[in-house]
PDB file of N, CA and C in Angstrom:
ATOM      1  N   MET A   1     -24.949 -72.456 -69.729  1.00  0.00           N
ATOM      2  CA  MET A   1     -23.709 -72.414 -70.470  1.00  0.00           C
ATOM      3  C   MET A   1     -22.611 -73.254 -69.816  1.00  0.00           C
ATOM      4  N   VAL A   2     -22.733 -73.487 -68.538  1.00  0.00           N
ATOM      5  CA  VAL A   2     -21.702 -74.237 -67.816  1.00  0.00           C
ATOM      6  C   VAL A   2     -21.510 -75.644 -68.387  1.00  0.00           C
ATOM      7  N   PRO A   3     -22.586 -76.373 -68.740  1.00  0.00           N
ATOM      8  CA  PRO A   3     -22.356 -77.708 -69.307  1.00  0.00           C
ATOM      9  C   PRO A   3     -21.536 -77.692 -70.601  1.00  0.00           C
ATOM     10  N   PHE A   4     -21.687 -76.646 -71.401  1.00  0.00           N
ATOM     11  CA  PHE A   4     -20.900 -76.556 -72.620  1.00  0.00           C
ATOM     12  C   PHE A   4     -19.416 -76.380 -72.313  1.00  0.00           C
ATOM     13  N   ALA A   5     -19.121 -75.570 -71.318  1.00  0.00           N
ATOM     14  CA  ALA A   5     -17.724 -75.366 -70.929  1.00  0.00           C
ATOM     15  C   ALA A   5     -17.132 -76.649 -70.361  1.00  0.00           C
ATOM     16  N   ILE A   6     -17.896 -77.350 -69.553  1.00  0.00           N
ATOM     17  CA  ILE A   6     -17.411 -78.609 -68.992  1.00  0.00           C
ATOM     18  C   ILE A   6     -17.193 -79.637 -70.096  1.00  0.00           C
ATOM     19  N   ALA A   7     -18.099 -79.681 -71.058  1.00  0.00           N
ATOM     20  CA  ALA A   7     -17.941 -80.612 -72.181  1.00  0.00           C
ATOM     21  C   ALA A   7     -16.688 -80.285 -72.991  1.00  0.00           C
ATOM     22  N   GLY A   8     -16.422 -79.013 -73.195  1.00  0.00           N
ATOM     23  CA  GLY A   8     -15.221 -78.614 -73.923  1.00  0.00           C
ATOM     24  C   GLY A   8     -13.954 -78.984 -73.172  1.00  0.00           C
ATOM     25  N   LEU A   9     -13.954 -78.746 -71.865  1.00  0.00           N
ATOM     26  CA  LEU A   9     -12.796 -79.130 -71.050  1.00  0.00           C
ATOM     27  C   LEU A   9     -12.583 -80.635 -71.095  1.00  0.00           C
ATOM     28  N   ALA A  10     -13.675 -81.384 -70.989  1.00  0.00           N
ATOM     29  CA  ALA A  10     -13.565 -82.847 -71.028  1.00  0.00           C
ATOM     30  C   ALA A  10     -13.058 -83.324 -72.386  1.00  0.00           C
ATOM     31  N   ALA A  11     -13.523 -82.691 -73.453  1.00  0.00           N
ATOM     32  CA  ALA A  11     -13.076 -83.084 -74.794  1.00  0.00           C
ATOM     33  C   ALA A  11     -11.576 -82.846 -74.967  1.00  0.00           C
ATOM     34  N   PHE A  12     -11.104 -81.703 -74.518  1.00  0.00           N
ATOM     35  CA  PHE A  12      -9.667 -81.435 -74.617  1.00  0.00           C
ATOM     36  C   PHE A  12      -8.865 -82.385 -73.735  1.00  0.00           C
ATOM     37  N   ALA A  13      -9.387 -82.711 -72.559  1.00  0.00           N
ATOM     38  CA  ALA A  13      -8.679 -83.630 -71.667  1.00  0.00           C
ATOM     39  C   ALA A  13      -8.606 -85.026 -72.270  1.00  0.00           C
ATOM     40  N   VAL A  14      -9.707 -85.502 -72.821  1.00  0.00           N
ATOM     41  CA  VAL A  14      -9.725 -86.835 -73.434  1.00  0.00           C
ATOM     42  C   VAL A  14      -8.826 -86.863 -74.667  1.00  0.00           C
ATOM     43  N   ALA A  15      -8.930 -85.837 -75.498  1.00  0.00           N
ATOM     44  CA  ALA A  15      -8.081 -85.783 -76.693  1.00  0.00           C
ATOM     45  C   ALA A  15      -6.608 -85.731 -76.305  1.00  0.00           C
ATOM     46  N   GLY A  16      -6.288 -84.966 -75.273  1.00  0.00           N
ATOM     47  CA  GLY A  16      -4.902 -84.891 -74.819  1.00  0.00           C
ATOM     48  C   GLY A  16      -4.401 -86.223 -74.299  1.00  0.00           C
ATOM     49  N   ALA A  17      -5.249 -86.932 -73.565  1.00  0.00           N
ATOM     50  CA  ALA A  17      -4.858 -88.247 -73.055  1.00  0.00           C
ATOM     51  C   ALA A  17      -4.629 -89.231 -74.194  1.00  0.00           C
ATOM     52  N   ILE A  18      -5.483 -89.182 -75.193  1.00  0.00           N
ATOM     53  CA  ILE A  18      -5.321 -90.082 -76.339  1.00  0.00           C
ATOM     54  C   ILE A  18      -4.038 -89.770 -77.093  1.00  0.00           C
ATOM     55  N   VAL A  19      -3.780 -88.497 -77.339  1.00  0.00           N
ATOM     56  CA  VAL A  19      -2.554 -88.103 -78.049  1.00  0.00           C
ATOM     57  C   VAL A  19      -1.323 -88.502 -77.245  1.00  0.00           C
ATOM     58  N   TRP A  20      -1.381 -88.298 -75.935  1.00  0.00           N
ATOM     59  CA  TRP A  20      -0.238 -88.636 -75.078  1.00  0.00           C
ATOM     60  C   TRP A  20       0.009 -90.142 -75.063  1.00  0.00           C
ATOM     61  N   LEU A  21      -1.057 -90.923 -74.910  1.00  0.00           N
ATOM     62  CA  LEU A  21      -0.905 -92.375 -74.858  1.00  0.00           C
ATOM     63  C   LEU A  21      -0.476 -92.963 -76.203  1.00  0.00           C
ATOM     64  N   ALA A  22      -0.883 -92.334 -77.293  1.00  0.00           N
ATOM     65  CA  ALA A  22      -0.548 -92.831 -78.623  1.00  0.00           C
ATOM     66  C   ALA A  22       0.768 -92.267 -79.133  1.00  0.00           C
ATOM     67  N   ASN A  23       1.456 -91.509 -78.284  1.00  0.00           N
ATOM     68  CA  ASN A  23       2.707 -90.857 -78.695  1.00  0.00           C
ATOM     69  C   ASN A  23       2.517 -90.043 -79.969  1.00  0.00           C
ATOM     70  N   GLY A  24       1.460 -89.261 -79.970  1.00  0.00           N
ATOM     71  CA  GLY A  24       1.152 -88.416 -81.121  1.00  0.00           C
ATOM     72  C   GLY A  24       2.090 -87.228 -81.202  1.00  0.00           C
ATOM     73  N   PRO A  25       1.879 -86.411 -82.210  1.00  0.00           N
ATOM     74  CA  PRO A  25       2.730 -85.229 -82.385  1.00  0.00           C
ATOM     75  C   PRO A  25       2.678 -84.306 -81.162  1.00  0.00           C
ATOM     76  N   GLU A  26       3.822 -83.771 -80.819  1.00  0.00           N
ATOM     77  CA  GLU A  26       3.934 -82.893 -79.644  1.00  0.00           C
ATOM     78  C   GLU A  26       3.051 -81.657 -79.787  1.00  0.00           C
ATOM     79  N   SER A  27       2.917 -81.146 -80.999  1.00  0.00           N
ATOM     80  CA  SER A  27       2.101 -79.949 -81.201  1.00  0.00           C
ATOM     81  C   SER A  27       0.625 -80.232 -80.904  1.00  0.00           C
ATOM     82  N   TRP A  28       0.160 -81.443 -81.165  1.00  0.00           N
ATOM     83  CA  TRP A  28      -1.229 -81.793 -80.864  1.00  0.00           C
ATOM     84  C   TRP A  28      -1.447 -81.816 -79.355  1.00  0.00           C
ATOM     85  N   LEU A  29      -0.478 -82.377 -78.641  1.00  0.00           N
ATOM     86  CA  LEU A  29      -0.585 -82.416 -77.182  1.00  0.00           C
ATOM     87  C   LEU A  29      -0.580 -81.001 -76.609  1.00  0.00           C
ATOM     88  N   GLN A  30       0.276 -80.151 -77.153  1.00  0.00           N
ATOM     89  CA  GLN A  30       0.323 -78.766 -76.697  1.00  0.00           C
ATOM     90  C   GLN A  30      -1.002 -78.048 -76.974  1.00  0.00           C
ATOM     91  N   THR A  31      -1.606 -78.348 -78.101  1.00  0.00           N
ATOM     92  CA  THR A  31      -2.897 -77.752 -78.431  1.00  0.00           C
ATOM     93  C   THR A  31      -3.967 -78.197 -77.441  1.00  0.00           C
ATOM     94  N   CYS A  32      -3.958 -79.468 -77.084  1.00  0.00           N
ATOM     95  CA  CYS A  32      -4.932 -79.975 -76.106  1.00  0.00           C
ATOM     96  C   CYS A  32      -4.732 -79.337 -74.739  1.00  0.00           C
ATOM     97  N   VAL A  33      -3.494 -79.218 -74.317  1.00  0.00           N
ATOM     98  CA  VAL A  33      -3.208 -78.597 -73.022  1.00  0.00           C
ATOM     99  C   VAL A  33      -3.633 -77.128 -73.037  1.00  0.00           C
ATOM    100  N   ALA A  34      -3.309 -76.429 -74.120  1.00  0.00           N
ATOM    101  CA  ALA A  34      -3.692 -75.020 -74.227  1.00  0.00           C
ATOM    102  C   ALA A  34      -5.208 -74.859 -74.228  1.00  0.00           C
ATOM    103  N   GLY A  35      -5.907 -75.709 -74.961  1.00  0.00           N
ATOM    104  CA  GLY A  35      -7.365 -75.640 -74.986  1.00  0.00           C
ATOM    105  C   GLY A  35      -7.971 -75.868 -73.616  1.00  0.00           C
ATOM    106  N   PHE A  36      -7.411 -76.827 -72.887  1.00  0.00           N
ATOM    107  CA  PHE A  36      -7.904 -77.101 -71.540  1.00  0.00           C
ATOM    108  C   PHE A  36      -7.650 -75.910 -70.624  1.00  0.00           C
ATOM    109  N   LEU A  37      -6.444 -75.350 -70.680  1.00  0.00           N
ATOM    110  CA  LEU A  37      -6.099 -74.238 -69.798  1.00  0.00           C
ATOM    111  C   LEU A  37      -6.884 -72.975 -70.134  1.00  0.00           C
ATOM    112  N   VAL A  38      -7.137 -72.737 -71.399  1.00  0.00           N
ATOM    113  CA  VAL A  38      -7.923 -71.564 -71.789  1.00  0.00           C
ATOM    114  C   VAL A  38      -9.392 -71.769 -71.411  1.00  0.00           C
ATOM    115  N   GLY A  39      -9.833 -73.010 -71.371  1.00  0.00           N
ATOM    116  CA  GLY A  39     -11.212 -73.296 -71.008  1.00  0.00           C
ATOM    117  C   GLY A  39     -11.528 -73.044 -69.546  1.00  0.00           C
ATOM    118  N   ILE A  40     -10.531 -73.122 -68.679  1.00  0.00           N
ATOM    119  CA  ILE A  40     -10.772 -72.923 -67.246  1.00  0.00           C
ATOM    120  C   ILE A  40     -11.287 -71.513 -66.943  1.00  0.00           C
ATOM    121  N   PRO A  41     -10.640 -70.440 -67.434  1.00  0.00           N
ATOM    122  CA  PRO A  41     -11.222 -69.105 -67.187  1.00  0.00           C
ATOM    123  C   PRO A  41     -12.595 -68.947 -67.840  1.00  0.00           C
ATOM    124  N   GLY A  42     -12.802 -69.606 -68.981  1.00  0.00           N
ATOM    125  CA  GLY A  42     -14.124 -69.563 -69.610  1.00  0.00           C
ATOM    126  C   GLY A  42     -15.183 -70.200 -68.733  1.00  0.00           C
ATOM    127  N   LEU A  43     -14.838 -71.326 -68.117  1.00  0.00           N
ATOM    128  CA  LEU A  43     -15.770 -71.995 -67.203  1.00  0.00           C
ATOM    129  C   LEU A  43     -16.088 -71.100 -66.014  1.00  0.00           C
ATOM    130  N   ILE A  44     -15.070 -70.497 -65.445  1.00  0.00           N
ATOM    131  CA  ILE A  44     -15.282 -69.609 -64.295  1.00  0.00           C
ATOM    132  C   ILE A  44     -16.167 -68.429 -64.687  1.00  0.00           C
ATOM    133  N   THR A  45     -15.921 -67.862 -65.860  1.00  0.00           N
ATOM    134  CA  THR A  45     -16.729 -66.741 -66.345  1.00  0.00           C
ATOM    135  C   THR A  45     -18.190 -67.153 -66.501  1.00  0.00           C
ATOM    136  N   MET A  46     -18.427 -68.339 -67.041  1.00  0.00           N
ATOM    137  CA  MET A  46     -19.801 -68.797 -67.236  1.00  0.00           C
ATOM    138  C   MET A  46     -20.495 -69.089 -65.911  1.00  0.00           C
ATOM    139  N   ILE A  47     -19.772 -69.623 -64.940  1.00  0.00           N
ATOM    140  CA  ILE A  47     -20.354 -69.866 -63.617  1.00  0.00           C
ATOM    141  C   ILE A  47     -20.796 -68.549 -62.989  1.00  0.00           C
ATOM    142  N   VAL A  48     -19.937 -67.542 -63.051  1.00  0.00           N
ATOM    143  CA  VAL A  48     -20.271 -66.223 -62.483  1.00  0.00           C
ATOM    144  C   VAL A  48     -21.447 -65.606 -63.240  1.00  0.00           C
ATOM    145  N   HIS A  49     -21.433 -65.714 -64.554  1.00  0.00           N
ATOM    146  CA  HIS A  49     -22.512 -65.152 -65.366  1.00  0.00           C
ATOM    147  C   HIS A  49     -23.842 -65.810 -65.024  1.00  0.00           C
ATOM    148  N   ASP A  50     -23.875 -67.132 -64.938  1.00  0.00           N
ATOM    149  CA  ASP A  50     -25.115 -67.827 -64.604  1.00  0.00           C
ATOM    150  C   ASP A  50     -25.603 -67.466 -63.202  1.00  0.00           C
ATOM    151  N   ARG A  51     -24.685 -67.342 -62.255  1.00  0.00           N
ATOM    152  CA  ARG A  51     -25.066 -66.975 -60.896  1.00  0.00           C
ATOM    153  C   ARG A  51     -25.686 -65.572 -60.886  1.00  0.00           C
ATOM    154  N   ASN A  52     -25.069 -64.633 -61.608  1.00  0.00           N
ATOM    155  CA  ASN A  52     -25.607 -63.266 -61.661  1.00  0.00           C
ATOM    156  C   ASN A  52     -26.945 -63.230 -62.392  1.00  0.00           C
ATOM    157  N   ARG A  53     -27.096 -64.055 -63.423  1.00  0.00           N
ATOM    158  CA  ARG A  53     -28.357 -64.097 -64.159  1.00  0.00           C
ATOM    159  C   ARG A  53     -29.475 -64.615 -63.262  1.00  0.00           C
ATOM    160  N   ARG A  54     -29.190 -65.645 -62.464  1.00  0.00           N
ATOM    161  CA  ARG A  54     -30.184 -66.155 -61.518  1.00  0.00           C
ATOM    162  C   ARG A  54     -30.578 -65.089 -60.501  1.00  0.00           C
ATOM    163  N   ARG A  55     -29.580 -64.343 -60.029  1.00  0.00           N
ATOM    164  CA  ARG A  55     -29.847 -63.277 -59.057  1.00  0.00           C
ATOM    165  C   ARG A  55     -30.715 -62.190 -59.674  1.00  0.00           C
ATOM    166  N   ARG A  56     -30.376 -61.775 -60.906  1.00  0.00           N
ATOM    167  CA  ARG A  56     -31.161 -60.736 -61.575  1.00  0.00           C
ATOM    168  C   ARG A  56     -32.594 -61.199 -61.818  1.00  0.00           C
ATOM    169  N   ARG A  57     -32.782 -62.440 -62.208  1.00  0.00           N
ATOM    170  CA  ARG A  57     -34.129 -62.955 -62.448  1.00  0.00           C
ATOM    171  C   ARG A  57     -34.943 -63.013 -61.163  1.00  0.00           C
ATOM    172  N   SER A  58     -34.304 -63.398 -60.063  1.00  0.00           N
ATOM    173  CA  SER A  58     -35.054 -63.470 -58.809  1.00  0.00           C
ATOM    174  C   SER A  58     -35.473 -62.082 -58.357  1.00  0.00           C
ATOM    175  N   ILE A  59     -34.630 -61.073 -58.570  1.00  0.00           N
ATOM    176  CA  ILE A  59     -34.979 -59.694 -58.219  1.00  0.00           C
ATOM    177  C   ILE A  59     -36.134 -59.210 -59.092  1.00  0.00           C
ATOM    178  N   THR A  60     -36.069 -59.491 -60.392  1.00  0.00           N
ATOM    179  CA  THR A  60     -37.113 -59.077 -61.314  1.00  0.00           C
ATOM    180  C   THR A  60     -38.433 -59.760 -60.989  1.00  0.00           C
ATOM    181  N   HIS A  61     -38.395 -61.043 -60.700  1.00  0.00           N
ATOM    182  CA  HIS A  61     -39.616 -61.768 -60.381  1.00  0.00           C
ATOM    183  C   HIS A  61     -40.203 -61.302 -59.050  1.00  0.00           C
ATOM    184  N   ALA A  62     -39.349 -60.996 -58.092  1.00  0.00           N
ATOM    185  CA  ALA A  62     -39.835 -60.506 -56.800  1.00  0.00           C
ATOM    186  C   ALA A  62     -40.518 -59.141 -56.978  1.00  0.00           C
ATOM    187  N   ALA A  63     -39.943 -58.275 -57.786  1.00  0.00           N
ATOM    188  CA  ALA A  63     -40.526 -56.957 -58.023  1.00  0.00           C
ATOM    189  C   ALA A  63     -41.836 -57.101 -58.783  1.00  0.00           C
ATOM    190  N   PHE A  64     -41.922 -58.038 -59.699  1.00  0.00           N
ATOM    191  CA  PHE A  64     -43.135 -58.261 -60.467  1.00  0.00           C
ATOM    192  C   PHE A  64     -44.254 -58.773 -59.562  1.00  0.00           C
ATOM    193  N   ARG A  65     -43.926 -59.642 -58.629  1.00  0.00           N
ATOM    194  CA  ARG A  65     -44.944 -60.197 -57.724  1.00  0.00           C
ATOM    195  C   ARG A  65     -45.475 -59.144 -56.755  1.00  0.00           C
ATOM    196  N   GLU A  66     -44.665 -58.141 -56.430  1.00  0.00           N
ATOM    197  CA  GLU A  66     -45.120 -57.095 -55.506  1.00  0.00           C
ATOM    198  C   GLU A  66     -46.156 -56.195 -56.143  1.00  0.00           C
ATOM    199  N   ASN A  67     -46.109 -56.051 -57.469  1.00  0.00           N
ATOM    200  CA  ASN A  67     -47.035 -55.147 -58.165  1.00  0.00           C
ATOM    201  C   ASN A  67     -48.297 -55.846 -58.473  1.00  0.00           C
TER     202      ASN A  67
END
């Protein structure tokens, strides 16, 4: 899931840069900034989730190999 979050952050960053450089509407720039900022906690959540999922799988596989 982490690549999806990174792609979303990158999309908002690129869109924000384009809007800023093109002197686009202020509300569009605010939307890009908000999307980027909201994406950061989402990225952190996905990193933690993936790390815990890897840990749970290794525990399950280790228990399976013992039997």
